[in-house]
Protein backbone atom coordinates (compact mmCIF):
# COMPACT_ATOMS: atom_id res chain seq x y z
CA MET A 1 95.79 80.06 82.48
CA ASN A 2 96.33 82.32 84.82
CA ASN A 3 99.91 84.47 84.85
CA ILE A 4 101.17 85.21 87.79
CA ALA A 5 103.50 88.02 87.99
CA ILE A 6 105.47 88.59 91.28
CA PHE A 7 107.19 91.57 92.20
CA ALA A 8 110.11 91.08 94.66
CA SER A 9 113.01 93.05 96.55
CA GLY A 10 115.31 90.67 98.30
CA SER A 11 116.88 86.87 97.74
CA GLY A 12 113.20 85.75 96.36
CA SER A 13 112.40 82.30 98.59
CA ASN A 14 109.34 82.82 98.87
CA ALA A 15 108.95 83.56 94.87
CA GLU A 16 110.84 80.57 94.03
CA ASN A 17 108.30 78.43 96.70
CA ILE A 18 105.54 79.84 94.37
CA ILE A 19 107.02 79.13 91.03
CA GLY A 20 107.07 75.54 92.27
CA HIS A 21 104.11 75.69 93.93
CA PHE A 22 102.49 76.36 90.75
CA SER A 23 105.25 74.05 88.24
CA ALA A 24 102.59 71.29 89.02
CA THR A 25 99.08 72.95 88.71
CA GLU A 26 97.45 73.64 85.45
CA ASN A 27 95.58 75.98 86.33
CA ALA A 28 98.28 78.50 86.76
CA LYS A 29 102.07 79.50 86.24
CA VAL A 30 104.39 81.59 87.43
CA THR A 31 105.26 83.67 83.94
CA LEU A 32 107.37 86.84 85.41
CA ILE A 33 109.50 87.95 88.08
CA LEU A 34 109.45 92.18 88.31
CA SER A 35 112.04 93.33 90.93
CA ASN A 36 113.48 96.78 91.82
CA ASN A 37 117.29 95.76 92.86
CA ARG A 38 119.04 94.62 90.00
CA ASN A 39 121.29 92.59 93.12
CA ALA A 40 118.88 90.90 94.29
CA PHE A 41 118.92 86.98 94.60
CA VAL A 42 115.56 86.36 93.29
CA LEU A 43 116.81 87.48 89.31
CA LYS A 44 119.06 84.31 89.79
CA ARG A 45 116.61 82.46 91.02
CA ALA A 46 114.16 83.27 87.79
CA GLU A 47 116.78 83.05 85.20
CA ARG A 48 117.76 79.28 87.01
CA LEU A 49 114.16 78.81 87.33
CA ASN A 50 114.02 80.50 82.96
CA ILE A 51 111.02 82.62 84.36
CA LYS A 52 111.01 85.81 82.42
CA SER A 53 112.06 88.69 84.45
CA ILE A 54 112.73 92.06 84.56
CA VAL A 55 114.08 95.57 86.40
CA PHE A 56 112.48 98.61 86.91
CA ASP A 57 113.49 102.12 88.48
CA ARG A 58 111.26 104.48 90.00
CA ASN A 59 110.94 106.19 87.13
CA ASP A 60 109.38 103.46 85.52
CA PHE A 61 107.18 102.75 88.11
CA TYR A 62 105.71 105.78 89.62
CA ARG A 63 106.21 108.32 86.62
CA SER A 64 105.15 106.46 83.62
CA GLU A 65 103.12 103.52 82.36
CA LYS A 66 106.03 100.94 81.51
CA ILE A 67 105.01 97.98 84.53
CA LEU A 68 101.19 98.03 83.94
CA ASP A 69 102.16 98.26 79.88
CA VAL A 70 104.71 94.87 80.41
CA LEU A 71 102.06 93.17 82.98
CA GLN A 72 99.21 93.58 79.89
CA GLN A 73 101.76 92.28 77.01
CA GLU A 74 102.54 89.77 79.53
CA LYS A 75 98.51 88.78 79.98
CA ILE A 76 99.22 88.56 84.03
CA THR A 77 95.94 87.93 85.06
CA PHE A 78 97.29 88.12 89.41
CA ILE A 79 100.04 89.52 90.75
CA VAL A 80 101.74 88.93 93.86
CA LEU A 81 104.56 90.97 96.00
CA ALA A 82 106.47 88.85 97.96
CA GLY A 83 109.20 90.85 99.83
CA PHE A 84 108.50 94.08 97.54
CA LEU A 85 109.28 97.00 99.58
CA TRP A 86 107.51 100.18 97.57
CA LEU A 87 103.80 100.88 96.80
CA VAL A 88 102.26 99.80 93.82
CA PRO A 89 101.12 102.37 91.77
CA ALA A 90 97.09 103.39 91.80
CA GLY A 91 97.25 102.84 87.89
CA ILE A 92 98.75 99.30 88.74
CA ILE A 93 95.91 98.92 91.42
CA GLY A 94 93.47 100.16 89.58
CA LYS A 95 93.89 97.44 86.56
CA TYR A 96 94.05 94.48 89.03
CA ALA A 97 91.90 95.77 91.54
CA GLY A 98 91.27 92.62 94.26
CA LYS A 99 93.97 90.70 92.13
CA ILE A 100 96.98 91.94 93.86
CA ILE A 101 98.48 90.08 97.56
CA ASN A 102 101.43 90.51 99.33
CA ILE A 103 102.57 88.31 102.73
CA HIS A 104 103.37 90.17 105.91
CA PRO A 105 105.90 88.76 108.30
CA ALA A 106 103.70 89.68 111.12
CA LEU A 107 99.86 89.79 112.28
CA LEU A 108 98.46 92.95 111.14
CA PRO A 109 97.31 95.33 111.67
CA LEU A 110 100.31 94.81 114.62
CA TYR A 111 103.50 95.99 113.30
CA GLY A 112 103.19 97.17 109.43
CA GLY A 113 103.09 100.22 107.96
CA ARG A 114 106.15 102.05 106.30
CA GLY A 115 109.56 100.53 107.87
CA MET A 116 108.18 97.46 108.71
CA TYR A 117 109.47 94.76 106.96
CA GLY A 118 111.79 92.08 107.23
CA ASP A 119 114.16 91.97 110.44
CA ALA A 120 112.66 95.12 111.97
CA VAL A 121 109.50 93.32 112.18
CA HIS A 122 110.73 90.38 114.08
CA LYS A 123 113.34 93.14 116.40
CA ALA A 124 110.09 94.26 117.22
CA VAL A 125 108.15 91.95 118.25
CA ILE A 126 110.96 90.59 120.31
CA GLU A 127 111.56 93.74 122.09
CA ASN A 128 107.81 94.26 122.89
CA ARG A 129 107.91 90.72 124.15
CA GLU A 130 104.67 89.79 122.35
CA LYS A 131 103.55 86.00 122.81
CA GLU A 132 102.60 85.45 119.25
CA SER A 133 103.65 86.66 115.63
CA GLY A 134 102.89 85.22 112.44
CA ILE A 135 102.13 85.87 108.57
CA THR A 136 99.13 88.28 107.07
CA ILE A 137 98.41 87.63 103.67
CA HIS A 138 96.63 90.76 102.66
CA LEU A 139 94.61 92.74 99.93
CA VAL A 140 97.37 95.73 98.30
CA ASN A 141 96.05 99.24 98.14
CA GLY A 142 97.29 102.43 98.01
CA GLU A 143 98.80 102.22 101.34
CA TYR A 144 101.69 100.13 103.23
CA ASP A 145 99.99 96.69 104.59
CA SER A 146 96.31 98.16 105.12
CA GLY A 147 94.16 96.35 102.54
CA ASP A 148 92.04 93.75 103.69
CA ILE A 149 93.13 90.25 105.26
CA ILE A 150 92.36 87.34 103.38
CA PHE A 151 94.56 84.81 105.80
CA GLN A 152 96.31 84.72 108.87
CA ALA A 153 98.68 82.03 110.38
CA ARG A 154 100.34 82.59 114.00
CA CYS A 155 103.35 81.14 115.87
CA PRO A 156 104.34 81.40 119.57
CA VAL A 157 107.30 83.57 120.34
CA GLU A 158 109.16 81.72 123.12
CA PRO A 159 110.97 83.70 125.83
CA HIS A 160 114.54 81.97 124.11
CA ASP A 161 113.29 82.97 120.60
CA ASP A 162 115.68 86.00 118.77
CA TYR A 163 114.94 87.68 115.72
CA ALA A 164 116.62 85.27 114.38
CA SER A 165 114.50 82.09 115.47
CA LEU A 166 111.76 84.29 114.38
CA ALA A 167 112.35 84.77 111.36
CA ASP A 168 112.81 80.93 110.95
CA LYS A 169 109.42 80.73 112.14
CA ILE A 170 107.66 83.17 109.99
CA HIS A 171 109.92 81.52 107.17
CA THR A 172 107.87 78.52 107.88
CA LEU A 173 104.40 79.68 107.49
CA GLU A 174 105.25 81.54 104.75
CA TYR A 175 106.58 78.57 102.40
CA MET A 176 103.42 76.45 104.37
CA HIS A 177 100.53 79.19 103.88
CA PHE A 178 101.62 81.56 100.75
CA PRO A 179 100.97 79.20 97.86
CA ARG A 180 97.69 77.50 98.73
CA VAL A 181 96.45 80.89 99.52
CA ILE A 182 97.16 82.52 95.83
CA GLU A 183 96.64 79.18 95.02
CA ASP A 184 92.66 79.74 96.34
CA MET A 185 92.32 83.72 94.83
CA VAL A 186 93.36 82.82 91.39
CA SER A 187 91.09 79.39 91.19
CA ARG A 188 88.46 82.67 91.77
CA LEU A 189 89.17 84.75 89.36
CA PRO A 190 86.85 84.91 86.41
């Protein structure tokens, strides 16, 4: 059995979708939610879904081995970033090389990097009059949004779209594809 940990900073709709997907599988389960935001709604979702959750701060993440120790104690084999806004420390990346993925709400390498998340991405896409946007699922390395791309899905940006309607399209792509890509990645683990 593969144990999946999800790192999230916000509402956790992707996390809940992923948890639901893996509740019906036999080879993997989401067993841990970690958040750097004690007010994140993802923590309420985790409680309702009976998933263990942990809140941590910058010191726990960057100046200690606390989070790496928790991941190992919980026998985590795969890590998913779903709306998590901090760079992952080198120690965690080293221990989980090739086993940490992130989802980004644009077609990387466009609209990636520090500060490019959520509505900021959708507003930039609209302001630049892009004809399409989408999602990118990529491996995590030591830089924002620069790991190897695993999967992309596209959607049109229509003339009538605003950032809210584009965000809805992006969420639909995320919910449709992210669990499947995670399952494919986990199925290849040794």
